[in-house]
Structures are given as structure tokens and as C-alpha cells.
């Protein structure tokens, strides 16, 4: 229902409105995941807890995220995408404030779980709004918009986190979300248009429980396995239980009349292949982005700030190259662009494996810039093509599946590379008990990341450009809206 003053407000182009609020929400969501790692030592010192206990701060958020992502599509369709998106943003922003005011580790973990509730709903519902606002022939524009938070937030997190922890306090790594979240919330409340899907149906409680608990247990096992050990009874138990529940979920959802996860969407070859590329790409790229700062700080002795500054060129590579990729996409198509992008990420991982503490900072800048270039070649065509054949009424369900696999891909990549480092040994003990960094462990992890990315490149070759033909057409100019749309997506 429109607010009393709504009629006096200007009618803004929904491409501008959706793009603005979703980019802002994604930015703080992704930033929150990366910035927290820098603050953990300060949090542990403030609360007087051992470093081994701090993992729950990150894991609590990831587990909560995994529980609520499967429900996001149905909630958006049933109660309205605007209402659910703004409610999720309000929960995330409010929980950020509570995290900043936390007085104990238990309080912080509880508020992080609450943050995960909002974060789990934000991305799938927001992505569905994006792909409703942008027709297939403008999906490359939408993908360019989505690349802004995807590229900048992971690189900015360590820089901003280091500055805030050093110059102010760890509380501000959460308070930084408040102004962005509040502005996006007010802007969205005023200008977003509501959208309901009349065929949302009844809530699939069995499917939600199987998917939510299954994904949560599996996410916990993947997140904690490298640290606690894969032979830990807790990790084995949660991993097996999660896998069993997910198998049961697949069996049930394929037979349900109104499933919470429409797994039949994977019957579309294009959707299935692009999701496979996305999962492998997320595992390879985010795995690389996890190992690189770890090597810089643990093996090379870099500060958090220096590590962040030598990571940030990745964002410049993405932003510059996204302009090029979006222009050649209609002529080249997604298949070759994605394959080249993932091959580039593999090459970047291999180049990092040859570096050491004596390597010039300029070399790291060049490699990370090239990583960003490669990411743009993969992500923009993949996101543009993934929903090319998805029916409008299935947008929310498709976005939910897409977000779920990307979250699993990220956790899988980090878990696998962490395990490789632990298996080889991050440190070696020399004569007299002297401990020194073992670069072979990080090199093995980079080799693994390169292998994952190369498998993703092979998967990209299974995509047929003709299936994504609707996204390769040039959009028809719309004089009354084009300038506004270009302003937000340029």
C-alpha cells in the first residue's frame, strides 16, 4: 500500500532504484564477511578469549546464512520482493549495530546469527528484483552493476578493517554498515515498487527443514573442518548428517508439488551449466583470495593494511575490464569469455605460486590486477547468461538456487585450500627448533586453486551461446529512461 506522501514523490526508473539499493545491500553484506577477519584478534583480546574460540563469530554468520537462503525465494514471491528485501536489510543493519555494542563473545555470536538471517534473504531476493527490472537484452548491464560490490568489497574489507581496528576500535567494523544500510533502506522504502507472484503456493516446511538444516550442517563442516581436523567426530558427524539431509531434500523436492527449491530448473541446460561454472569459479577465485592474504601475513610478515593495499588492485581490474567485456559480449557470447576468464584466474594462481617475500610489491599489484581482469571476463557473461531462459515467475526460485550454489562453492574452495595448507604444513621446524614459514604449503594451495579454475574453464565450454541469444541482442533505446539507466550502470 502506498504511503500518504508517495504520490508527491517522483517516479524513478526501477532499473536505477533496484540497482542502487541492491548494490548498497550487497556491498555491506560482502564487506561484512571479509572485514571481520581482520578484527578477530582485537575482539579476542577485548573479550579475553582464546583465538580458537573466535571461529564461531564467522561460522555463526555462515551457518545462519545457509539456513535462510532456501526460504528467500518463496518469501519474496509470497509477501512481496520489496517488503522482504527491506525487512532483510533492516534486520542486517540492526544486527550490525547490535554486534558493535556486544559486551561478550556469546552476545556477538548471537547477533552475528541474526545478521545471517538478513544476509541470507538479501542476495537472492535482490537478484530476483534485478533480473525482473532488466530484460534479457540488458542483463549485461545488470551484471556490470553486480560486479561493483563483488569486486570492491572483498578487496576493501582488509584495508578498511585494518584502519578501523588500528585507528578506532573493532566495534566500527560493524558500525560502518549503518549509514549505508540506513540510506538504502529509506531510498528503497520510498522508491522501490512492490512485486508479488500470485502462484507462490503454500510454504514447503519439510523442504525448508531438510534444505536449511542440511546446508547449515554442511557449511559448518566445511568451515570448521580445516581447523578442527577432518577426522574430528564432530566434523565427520555434521558433514555426513548434512550430506544425508541434502540427499533427502533432493529426493523430496523433486516429488513435491510446491517445492521450496525448484530443482527442476536445473533441467535447463544453460542454467545447469552456468551454475556449475559459478560454483567452480567461486571456489577457485575466493580460494585464491583467501590464500593470498594468508600467505602475505603469515609467511611474508605483512601487516593487515599492507595486505589489503596489495589486494585492492583486483577491484580496479574488474571495474576497468567490465566496460570492455560488456561491449564485446553481444558479439562473442558467454562461452569463450567465461572460459578465458577462468583460465586467467588459473594463470594468476600459478603466478602467485612463484612469488616469495623478496618479490617486488609491483609484481603483486600486477598479478592481482590481472586476477580482476580475469574475474570480469568470467562473472559478467556468467551472470548475464544464467537466467536467459528462466521464466519471470521463476526468477526468485532461480536466484535462490544460484545464491545457494555460490555460497557452497565459496565454502568448498576455502575449505579445500585450507586443508591443502594444513596437510603440507604452513611452518617448518629447523635446527634448534627454529620455526619458519613453509612456502610449499601455499604453493600447493595455489596449484589447487588453479586446478579448480581450469575445471571451471572446461565446464564453461559446455555452454551453448545460442541458448543465451536473448541476452546478446542490443537493447532498444528508450528515450525517457535510457539516460537514467545508463547513469547507474555506467
Protein backbone atom coordinates (compact mmCIF):
# COMPACT_ATOMS: atom_id res chain seq x y z
CA UNK A 1 0.00 0.00 0.00
CA UNK A 2 1.37 3.38 -0.94
CA UNK A 3 2.28 5.77 1.82
CA UNK A 4 0.28 9.03 2.10
CA UNK A 5 3.08 11.14 0.66
CA UNK A 6 4.04 8.69 -2.03
CA UNK A 7 2.02 10.39 -4.78
CA UNK A 8 4.10 13.58 -4.47
CA UNK A 9 7.38 11.72 -4.96
CA UNK A 10 8.96 11.47 -8.41
CA UNK A 11 8.53 8.17 -10.26
CA UNK A 12 12.10 6.92 -10.65
CA UNK A 13 13.24 4.36 -13.17
CA UNK A 14 13.16 0.98 -11.40
CA UNK A 15 16.46 -0.01 -13.02
CA UNK A 16 18.07 2.87 -11.15
CA UNK A 17 16.24 2.20 -7.89
CA UNK A 18 16.79 -1.58 -7.82
CA UNK A 19 20.39 -1.19 -8.93
CA UNK A 20 21.15 1.37 -6.22
CA UNK A 21 19.56 -0.45 -3.27
CA UNK A 22 20.83 -3.88 -4.28
CA UNK A 23 24.40 -2.73 -4.86
CA UNK A 24 24.40 -0.97 -1.47
CA UNK A 25 22.97 -4.05 0.28
CA UNK A 26 25.36 -6.47 -1.44
CA UNK A 27 28.29 -4.19 -0.69
CA UNK A 28 27.77 -4.15 3.09
CA UNK A 29 26.88 -7.86 3.06
CA UNK A 30 30.09 -8.92 1.27
CA UNK A 31 32.20 -6.34 3.11
CA UNK A 32 30.96 -7.71 6.43
CA UNK A 33 32.22 -11.21 5.57
CA UNK A 34 35.74 -10.03 4.69
CA UNK A 35 36.24 -7.20 7.19
CA UNK A 36 35.55 -9.34 10.26
CA UNK A 37 38.68 -11.49 9.78
CA UNK A 38 40.97 -8.52 10.40
CA UNK A 39 39.12 -7.62 13.60
CA UNK A 40 39.09 -11.09 15.21
CA UNK A 41 42.39 -10.74 17.13
CA UNK A 42 41.26 -7.43 18.66
CA UNK A 43 37.86 -8.94 19.54
CA UNK A 44 39.53 -11.89 21.26
CA UNK A 45 41.81 -9.59 23.26
CA UNK A 46 38.91 -7.35 24.30
CA UNK A 47 36.73 -10.27 25.44
CA UNK A 48 39.62 -12.25 26.89
CA UNK A 49 39.01 -15.39 24.82
CA UNK A 50 41.44 -17.69 23.04
CA UNK A 51 41.88 -17.42 19.25
CA UNK A 52 40.46 -20.94 18.85
CA UNK A 53 37.10 -19.71 20.18
CA UNK A 54 36.76 -16.84 17.71
CA UNK A 55 35.81 -19.02 14.75
CA UNK A 56 32.23 -19.05 15.97
CA UNK A 57 31.94 -15.35 15.09
CA UNK A 58 32.39 -16.13 11.39
CA UNK A 59 30.86 -19.61 11.36
CA UNK A 60 27.67 -18.49 13.14
CA UNK A 61 27.02 -16.00 10.37
CA UNK A 62 27.71 -18.51 7.58
CA UNK A 63 25.52 -21.19 9.12
CA UNK A 64 22.62 -18.75 9.61
CA UNK A 65 23.09 -17.59 6.02
CA UNK A 66 22.84 -21.19 4.79
CA UNK A 67 19.61 -21.81 6.74
CA UNK A 68 17.67 -18.87 5.36
CA UNK A 69 18.82 -18.70 1.71
CA UNK A 70 16.49 -21.59 0.67
CA UNK A 71 13.43 -19.77 2.05
CA UNK A 72 14.22 -16.43 0.39
CA UNK A 73 12.60 -17.13 -2.98
CA UNK A 74 9.25 -18.23 -1.54
CA UNK A 75 9.15 -15.36 0.97
CA UNK A 76 9.79 -12.80 -1.78
CA UNK A 77 7.09 -14.26 -4.01
CA UNK A 78 4.54 -14.64 -1.21
CA UNK A 79 4.96 -11.40 0.74
CA UNK A 80 6.43 -9.16 -1.96
CA UNK A 81 10.05 -8.69 -3.00
CA UNK A 82 10.18 -5.09 -1.76
CA UNK A 83 8.78 -5.93 1.66
CA UNK A 84 11.05 -8.94 2.19
CA UNK A 85 14.15 -7.20 0.84
CA UNK A 86 13.69 -4.14 3.05
CA UNK A 87 12.89 -6.31 6.07
CA UNK A 88 16.09 -8.31 5.44
CA UNK A 89 18.09 -5.08 5.07
CA UNK A 90 16.61 -3.74 8.30
CA UNK A 91 17.48 -6.98 10.15
CA UNK A 92 21.03 -6.95 8.77
CA UNK A 93 21.58 -3.26 9.60
CA UNK A 94 20.03 -3.52 13.06
CA UNK A 95 22.05 -6.64 13.84
CA UNK A 96 25.21 -4.79 12.74
CA UNK A 97 24.51 -2.16 15.39
CA UNK A 98 23.93 -4.86 17.99
CA UNK A 99 27.23 -6.55 17.03
CA UNK A 100 29.05 -3.26 17.55
CA UNK A 101 27.54 -2.92 21.03
CA UNK A 102 28.15 -6.56 22.04
CA UNK A 103 29.64 -6.95 25.52
CA UNK A 104 30.68 -10.61 25.29
CA UNK A 105 31.58 -13.25 22.75
CA UNK A 106 28.25 -15.04 23.29
CA UNK A 107 26.34 -11.83 22.53
CA UNK A 108 28.43 -11.20 19.43
CA UNK A 109 27.84 -14.71 18.08
CA UNK A 110 24.09 -14.36 18.72
CA UNK A 111 23.93 -11.04 16.88
CA UNK A 112 26.03 -12.45 14.03
CA UNK A 113 23.48 -15.24 13.64
CA UNK A 114 20.79 -12.55 13.43
CA UNK A 115 22.88 -10.79 10.77
CA UNK A 116 22.94 -14.04 8.82
CA UNK A 117 19.14 -14.12 8.77
CA UNK A 118 19.11 -10.77 6.95
CA UNK A 119 22.09 -11.64 4.77
CA UNK A 120 20.56 -14.95 3.71
CA UNK A 121 17.47 -13.19 2.37
CA UNK A 122 19.14 -10.13 0.83
CA UNK A 123 21.06 -11.55 -2.10
CA UNK A 124 18.52 -13.96 -3.66
CA UNK A 125 15.58 -11.54 -3.33
CA UNK A 126 17.65 -8.61 -4.58
CA UNK A 127 19.00 -10.60 -7.52
CA UNK A 128 15.45 -11.59 -8.50
CA UNK A 129 14.48 -7.90 -8.45
CA UNK A 130 17.47 -7.07 -10.65
CA UNK A 131 16.63 -9.62 -13.30
CA UNK A 132 12.98 -8.59 -13.32
CA UNK A 133 13.95 -4.94 -13.80
CA UNK A 134 16.44 -5.69 -16.58
CA UNK A 135 15.08 -7.65 -19.57
CA UNK A 136 17.33 -10.35 -21.12
CA UNK A 137 18.90 -8.00 -23.65
CA UNK A 138 20.03 -5.73 -20.78
CA UNK A 139 21.37 -8.47 -18.49
CA UNK A 140 24.96 -7.48 -19.25
CA UNK A 141 24.19 -4.06 -17.81
CA UNK A 142 22.75 -5.71 -14.72
CA UNK A 143 25.87 -7.87 -14.40
CA UNK A 144 28.05 -4.77 -14.58
CA UNK A 145 26.07 -3.34 -11.67
CA UNK A 146 26.51 -6.56 -9.66
CA UNK A 147 30.27 -6.54 -10.26
CA UNK A 148 30.72 -3.34 -8.23
CA UNK A 149 30.15 -4.87 -4.78
CA UNK A 150 31.53 -8.27 -5.85
CA UNK A 151 34.84 -6.71 -6.88
CA UNK A 152 35.32 -3.86 -4.43
CA UNK A 153 34.01 -5.23 -1.14
CA UNK A 154 36.35 -8.28 -0.79
CA UNK A 155 39.39 -6.12 -1.61
CA UNK A 156 38.31 -3.17 0.56
CA UNK A 157 37.50 -5.32 3.61
CA UNK A 158 41.08 -5.91 4.82
CA UNK A 159 42.11 -2.29 4.13
CA UNK A 160 39.13 -0.73 5.89
CA UNK A 161 39.20 -3.32 8.67
CA UNK A 162 42.88 -2.68 9.37
CA UNK A 163 42.37 1.09 9.50
CA UNK A 164 39.31 0.89 11.76
CA UNK A 165 40.86 -1.59 14.20
CA UNK A 166 44.16 0.32 14.38
CA UNK A 167 42.78 3.88 14.48
CA UNK A 168 39.40 3.50 16.24
CA UNK A 169 38.24 0.10 17.56
CA UNK A 170 36.90 -3.25 16.35
CA UNK A 171 33.34 -2.06 17.06
CA UNK A 172 33.50 0.11 13.95
CA UNK A 173 33.83 -2.83 11.57
CA UNK A 174 30.12 -3.30 12.32
CA UNK A 175 29.09 0.33 12.73
CA UNK A 176 30.39 1.04 9.21
CA UNK A 177 27.36 -0.83 7.86
CA UNK A 178 24.86 1.52 9.50
CA UNK A 179 24.97 4.62 7.25
CA UNK A 180 24.95 2.59 4.02
CA UNK A 181 22.17 0.32 5.26
CA UNK A 182 20.06 3.21 6.57
CA UNK A 183 20.29 5.25 3.35
CA UNK A 184 19.49 2.20 1.19
CA UNK A 185 16.55 1.35 3.48
CA UNK A 186 14.99 4.82 3.23
CA UNK A 187 15.62 5.11 -0.52
CA UNK A 188 14.15 1.67 -1.15
CA UNK A 189 11.11 2.34 1.04
CA UNK A 190 10.35 5.50 -0.93
CA UNK A 191 11.03 4.41 -4.48
CA UNK A 192 11.02 0.61 -4.86
CA UNK A 193 7.91 -0.88 -6.44
CA UNK A 194 6.33 -3.95 -4.91
CA UNK A 195 6.13 -7.25 -6.77
CA UNK A 196 4.18 -10.39 -5.82
CA UNK A 197 3.98 -13.71 -7.60
CA UNK A 198 0.36 -14.92 -7.41
CA UNK A 199 1.40 -18.57 -7.69
CA UNK A 200 3.68 -18.67 -4.64
CA UNK A 201 1.66 -21.52 -3.12
CA UNK A 202 1.96 -22.94 0.37
CA UNK A 203 5.20 -22.88 2.35
CA UNK A 204 7.14 -26.14 1.91
CA UNK A 205 8.07 -26.76 5.56
CA UNK A 206 9.64 -30.24 5.06
CA UNK A 207 11.73 -28.93 2.16
CA UNK A 208 12.81 -25.88 4.20
CA UNK A 209 13.88 -28.00 7.17
CA UNK A 210 15.77 -30.51 5.03
CA UNK A 211 17.50 -27.80 2.98
CA UNK A 212 18.13 -25.35 5.82
CA UNK A 213 19.47 -27.85 8.34
CA UNK A 214 21.34 -29.81 5.67
CA UNK A 215 23.08 -26.75 4.25
CA UNK A 216 23.83 -25.43 7.75
CA UNK A 217 25.47 -28.69 8.87
CA UNK A 218 27.46 -28.98 5.65
CA UNK A 219 28.55 -25.33 5.85
CA UNK A 220 29.67 -25.88 9.44
CA UNK A 221 31.69 -28.94 8.48
CA UNK A 222 33.33 -27.17 5.53
CA UNK A 223 34.12 -24.05 7.59
CA UNK A 224 35.45 -25.81 10.68
CA UNK A 225 36.96 -28.94 9.10
CA UNK A 226 40.37 -27.45 8.24
CA UNK A 227 40.82 -26.10 11.79
CA UNK A 228 39.36 -28.91 13.88
CA UNK A 229 40.63 -31.65 11.56
CA UNK A 230 38.65 -33.76 9.12
CA UNK A 231 38.98 -36.75 11.43
CA UNK A 232 37.16 -34.92 14.24
CA UNK A 233 33.99 -36.83 15.23
CA UNK A 234 32.08 -33.54 15.25
CA UNK A 235 33.16 -32.67 11.70
CA UNK A 236 32.53 -36.18 10.40
CA UNK A 237 29.12 -36.28 12.08
CA UNK A 238 27.93 -32.87 10.87
CA UNK A 239 29.33 -33.45 7.38
CA UNK A 240 27.65 -36.82 6.95
CA UNK A 241 24.40 -35.62 8.50
CA UNK A 242 24.36 -32.57 6.23
CA UNK A 243 25.02 -34.66 3.14
CA UNK A 244 22.30 -37.18 4.07
CA UNK A 245 19.75 -34.41 4.68
CA UNK A 246 20.60 -32.77 1.35
CA UNK A 247 20.19 -36.08 -0.49
CA UNK A 248 16.82 -36.48 1.22
CA UNK A 249 15.99 -32.90 0.28
CA UNK A 250 16.70 -33.56 -3.41
CA UNK A 251 14.55 -36.71 -3.33
CA UNK A 252 11.69 -34.88 -1.63
CA UNK A 253 11.85 -31.64 -3.64
CA UNK A 254 11.75 -33.45 -6.98
CA UNK A 255 8.46 -35.05 -5.88
CA UNK A 256 6.86 -32.11 -4.07
CA UNK A 257 4.05 -30.25 -5.83
CA UNK A 258 5.17 -26.87 -4.43
CA UNK A 259 8.90 -27.25 -3.59
CA UNK A 260 10.77 -24.51 -1.78
CA UNK A 261 13.75 -25.21 -4.07
CA UNK A 262 12.68 -25.75 -7.67
CA UNK A 263 15.43 -28.20 -8.55
CA UNK A 264 13.72 -28.93 -11.87
CA UNK A 265 15.13 -25.62 -13.08
CA UNK A 266 18.41 -27.48 -13.45
CA UNK A 267 16.74 -29.36 -16.30
CA UNK A 268 17.52 -26.27 -18.38
CA UNK A 269 20.97 -26.98 -19.79
CA UNK A 270 22.04 -23.32 -19.76
CA UNK A 271 21.01 -22.77 -16.14
CA UNK A 272 22.70 -26.00 -15.03
CA UNK A 273 25.97 -25.32 -16.88
CA UNK A 274 26.28 -21.68 -15.77
CA UNK A 275 25.62 -22.70 -12.16
CA UNK A 276 28.37 -25.31 -12.46
CA UNK A 277 30.72 -22.65 -13.82
CA UNK A 278 29.71 -20.32 -10.98
CA UNK A 279 30.35 -22.93 -8.29
CA UNK A 280 33.80 -23.80 -9.64
CA UNK A 281 34.63 -20.16 -10.32
CA UNK A 282 33.65 -19.14 -6.78
CA UNK A 283 35.71 -21.97 -5.31
CA UNK A 284 38.79 -21.11 -7.37
CA UNK A 285 38.66 -17.31 -7.13
CA UNK A 286 37.62 -16.96 -3.48
CA UNK A 287 40.03 -19.74 -2.56
CA UNK A 288 42.82 -17.73 -4.20
CA UNK A 289 41.65 -14.57 -2.43
CA UNK A 290 41.76 -16.48 0.86
CA UNK A 291 45.24 -17.98 0.46
CA UNK A 292 46.94 -14.84 -0.88
CA UNK A 293 46.40 -12.62 2.22
CA UNK A 294 47.13 -15.58 4.46
CA UNK A 295 50.49 -16.05 2.76
CA UNK A 296 51.19 -12.31 2.92
CA UNK A 297 50.57 -12.03 6.66
CA UNK A 298 51.74 -15.42 7.95
CA UNK A 299 54.63 -16.15 5.59
CA UNK A 300 55.81 -12.70 4.49
CA UNK A 301 55.02 -10.78 7.68
CA UNK A 302 52.83 -8.15 6.01
CA UNK A 303 50.51 -6.01 8.09
CA UNK A 304 46.76 -6.24 7.52
CA UNK A 305 46.83 -2.81 5.91
CA UNK A 306 49.65 -3.70 3.51
CA UNK A 307 47.89 -6.94 2.63
CA UNK A 308 44.70 -5.06 1.83
CA UNK A 309 46.50 -2.47 -0.28
CA UNK A 310 48.24 -5.21 -2.29
CA UNK A 311 44.88 -6.93 -2.81
CA UNK A 312 42.88 -3.88 -3.87
CA UNK A 313 44.24 -3.73 -7.49
CA UNK A 314 41.93 -6.69 -8.16
CA UNK A 315 38.98 -4.30 -7.87
CA UNK A 316 40.49 -1.90 -10.42
CA UNK A 317 40.99 -4.77 -12.84
CA UNK A 318 37.33 -5.74 -12.55
CA UNK A 319 35.94 -2.22 -12.90
CA UNK A 320 38.03 -1.34 -15.94
CA UNK A 321 37.56 -4.65 -17.74
CA UNK A 322 33.81 -4.82 -17.10
CA UNK A 323 33.37 -1.95 -19.54
CA UNK A 324 35.21 -3.91 -22.23
CA UNK A 325 33.50 -7.25 -21.59
CA UNK A 326 30.01 -5.74 -21.68
CA UNK A 327 30.72 -4.31 -25.14
CA UNK A 328 32.14 -7.47 -26.71
CA UNK A 329 29.64 -9.86 -25.08
CA UNK A 330 26.92 -9.44 -27.76
CA UNK A 331 29.41 -10.44 -30.47
CA UNK A 332 31.44 -13.12 -28.67
CA UNK A 333 28.85 -14.71 -26.37
CA UNK A 334 29.32 -16.16 -22.88
CA UNK A 335 31.06 -19.45 -23.69
CA UNK A 336 34.50 -18.24 -24.75
CA UNK A 337 34.54 -15.24 -22.40
CA UNK A 338 33.89 -17.41 -19.34
CA UNK A 339 36.48 -19.98 -20.40
CA UNK A 340 39.12 -17.28 -20.95
CA UNK A 341 38.28 -15.67 -17.61
CA UNK A 342 38.65 -18.88 -15.61
CA UNK A 343 41.83 -19.78 -17.46
CA UNK A 344 43.12 -16.34 -16.47
CA UNK A 345 42.29 -16.97 -12.80
CA UNK A 346 44.20 -20.26 -13.04
CA UNK A 347 47.17 -18.41 -14.55
CA UNK A 348 47.06 -15.81 -11.76
CA UNK A 349 47.12 -18.58 -9.13
CA UNK A 350 50.13 -20.16 -10.82
CA UNK A 351 51.93 -16.80 -10.98
CA UNK A 352 51.36 -16.29 -7.24
CA UNK A 353 52.90 -19.70 -6.58
CA UNK A 354 56.24 -18.36 -7.88
CA UNK A 355 56.35 -15.39 -5.50
CA UNK A 356 58.15 -15.11 -2.17
CA UNK A 357 58.93 -12.49 0.48
CA UNK A 358 61.51 -10.88 -1.80
CA UNK A 359 59.09 -10.35 -4.70
CA UNK A 360 58.53 -6.68 -5.56
CA UNK A 361 55.16 -5.22 -4.49
CA UNK A 362 54.70 -4.12 -8.11
CA UNK A 363 54.55 -7.78 -9.14
CA UNK A 364 51.75 -8.48 -6.66
CA UNK A 365 49.89 -5.39 -7.90
CA UNK A 366 50.17 -6.63 -11.49
CA UNK A 367 49.05 -10.17 -10.65
CA UNK A 368 46.05 -9.02 -8.61
CA UNK A 369 45.06 -6.56 -11.33
CA UNK A 370 45.21 -9.41 -13.84
CA UNK A 371 43.09 -11.51 -11.46
CA UNK A 372 40.44 -8.79 -11.53
CA UNK A 373 40.57 -8.66 -15.32
CA UNK A 374 40.04 -12.41 -15.46
CA UNK A 375 37.18 -12.25 -12.95
CA UNK A 376 35.31 -9.73 -15.11
CA UNK A 377 35.68 -11.99 -18.16
CA UNK A 378 34.07 -14.81 -16.19
CA UNK A 379 31.48 -13.17 -13.94
CA UNK A 380 29.76 -10.71 -16.28
CA UNK A 381 28.87 -13.20 -19.04
CA UNK A 382 28.07 -15.91 -16.49
CA UNK A 383 25.59 -13.74 -14.58
CA UNK A 384 24.11 -12.37 -17.79
CA UNK A 385 23.56 -15.80 -19.33
CA UNK A 386 22.48 -17.78 -16.25
CA UNK A 387 18.87 -16.56 -16.27
CA UNK A 388 18.47 -16.12 -20.03
CA UNK A 389 15.83 -18.86 -20.31
CA UNK A 390 14.30 -18.50 -16.84
CA UNK A 391 10.60 -17.62 -16.83
CA UNK A 392 9.73 -14.38 -14.98
CA UNK A 393 7.67 -16.27 -12.40
CA UNK A 394 10.70 -18.47 -11.65
CA UNK A 395 13.13 -15.55 -11.11
CA UNK A 396 13.07 -15.78 -7.30
CA UNK A 397 13.49 -19.58 -7.29
CA UNK A 398 16.35 -19.40 -9.80
CA UNK A 399 18.07 -16.65 -7.78
CA UNK A 400 17.77 -18.78 -4.65
CA UNK A 401 19.42 -21.77 -6.32
CA UNK A 402 22.12 -19.54 -7.81
CA UNK A 403 22.92 -17.96 -4.42
CA UNK A 404 22.95 -21.35 -2.70
CA UNK A 405 25.49 -22.94 -5.04
CA UNK A 406 27.70 -19.83 -4.96
CA UNK A 407 27.75 -19.91 -1.15
CA UNK A 408 28.64 -23.61 -1.20
CA UNK A 409 31.31 -23.00 -3.84
CA UNK A 410 32.94 -20.34 -1.69
CA UNK A 411 32.96 -22.56 1.39
CA UNK A 412 34.19 -25.56 -0.60
CA UNK A 413 37.09 -23.63 -2.15
CA UNK A 414 38.26 -22.15 1.16
CA UNK A 415 37.89 -25.49 2.95
CA UNK A 416 39.80 -27.39 0.28
CA UNK A 417 42.67 -24.91 0.10
CA UNK A 418 42.88 -24.63 3.90
CA UNK A 419 43.13 -28.40 4.06
CA UNK A 420 45.93 -28.43 1.49
CA UNK A 421 47.89 -25.86 3.53
CA UNK A 422 47.35 -27.85 6.73
CA UNK A 423 48.31 -31.14 5.05
CA UNK A 424 51.59 -29.78 3.68
CA UNK A 425 52.28 -27.72 6.80
CA UNK A 426 52.32 -23.92 6.92
CA UNK A 427 55.51 -23.94 9.03
CA UNK A 428 58.67 -25.99 9.19
CA UNK A 429 60.88 -26.64 12.20
CA UNK A 430 64.58 -26.22 11.53
CA UNK A 431 67.73 -26.96 13.55
CA UNK A 432 67.42 -25.91 17.15
CA UNK A 433 63.64 -25.77 16.95
CA UNK A 434 63.53 -22.63 14.80
CA UNK A 435 60.14 -22.23 13.12
CA UNK A 436 59.92 -20.73 9.64
CA UNK A 437 57.13 -20.35 7.07
CA UNK A 438 56.78 -23.18 4.57
CA UNK A 439 56.03 -21.61 1.20
CA UNK A 440 55.45 -25.04 -0.34
CA UNK A 441 52.14 -25.22 1.54
CA UNK A 442 50.87 -22.01 -0.06
CA UNK A 443 52.19 -23.04 -3.46
CA UNK A 444 50.29 -26.32 -3.21
CA UNK A 445 47.15 -24.33 -2.37
CA UNK A 446 47.65 -22.09 -5.39
CA UNK A 447 48.14 -25.15 -7.61
CA UNK A 448 44.84 -26.48 -6.26
CA UNK A 449 43.07 -23.18 -6.94
CA UNK A 450 44.45 -23.21 -10.47
CA UNK A 451 43.17 -26.75 -10.99
CA UNK A 452 39.67 -25.81 -9.80
CA UNK A 453 39.60 -22.80 -12.12
CA UNK A 454 40.75 -24.89 -15.09
CA UNK A 455 37.97 -27.42 -14.45
CA UNK A 456 35.61 -24.44 -14.41
CA UNK A 457 37.01 -23.30 -17.77
CA UNK A 458 36.26 -26.74 -19.21
CA UNK A 459 32.74 -26.55 -17.77
CA UNK A 460 32.31 -23.17 -19.48
CA UNK A 461 32.92 -24.83 -22.84
CA UNK A 462 29.70 -26.82 -22.35
CA UNK A 463 27.66 -23.59 -22.52
CA UNK A 464 25.99 -23.01 -25.88
CA UNK A 465 25.97 -19.37 -26.97
CA UNK A 466 22.72 -19.87 -28.87
CA UNK A 467 20.95 -20.70 -25.58
CA UNK A 468 21.86 -17.22 -24.31
CA UNK A 469 20.88 -15.48 -27.55
CA UNK A 470 18.26 -13.33 -25.82
CA UNK A 471 20.99 -11.67 -23.72
CA UNK A 472 23.15 -10.96 -26.76
CA UNK A 473 20.65 -8.70 -28.52
CA UNK A 474 21.21 -4.96 -28.35
CA UNK A 475 18.55 -3.30 -26.17
CA UNK A 476 16.05 -0.99 -27.81
CA UNK A 477 16.68 2.64 -26.85
CA UNK A 478 14.04 4.10 -24.53
CA UNK A 479 14.39 7.91 -24.59
CA UNK A 480 12.58 8.54 -21.31
CA UNK A 481 14.55 6.01 -19.26
CA UNK A 482 17.83 5.24 -21.01
CA UNK A 483 19.76 8.17 -19.60
CA UNK A 484 18.79 7.30 -16.04
CA UNK A 485 19.62 3.63 -16.55
CA UNK A 486 22.97 4.46 -18.10
CA UNK A 487 23.79 6.74 -15.18
CA UNK A 488 23.59 3.97 -12.63
CA UNK A 489 25.10 1.22 -14.74
CA UNK A 490 27.92 3.05 -16.47
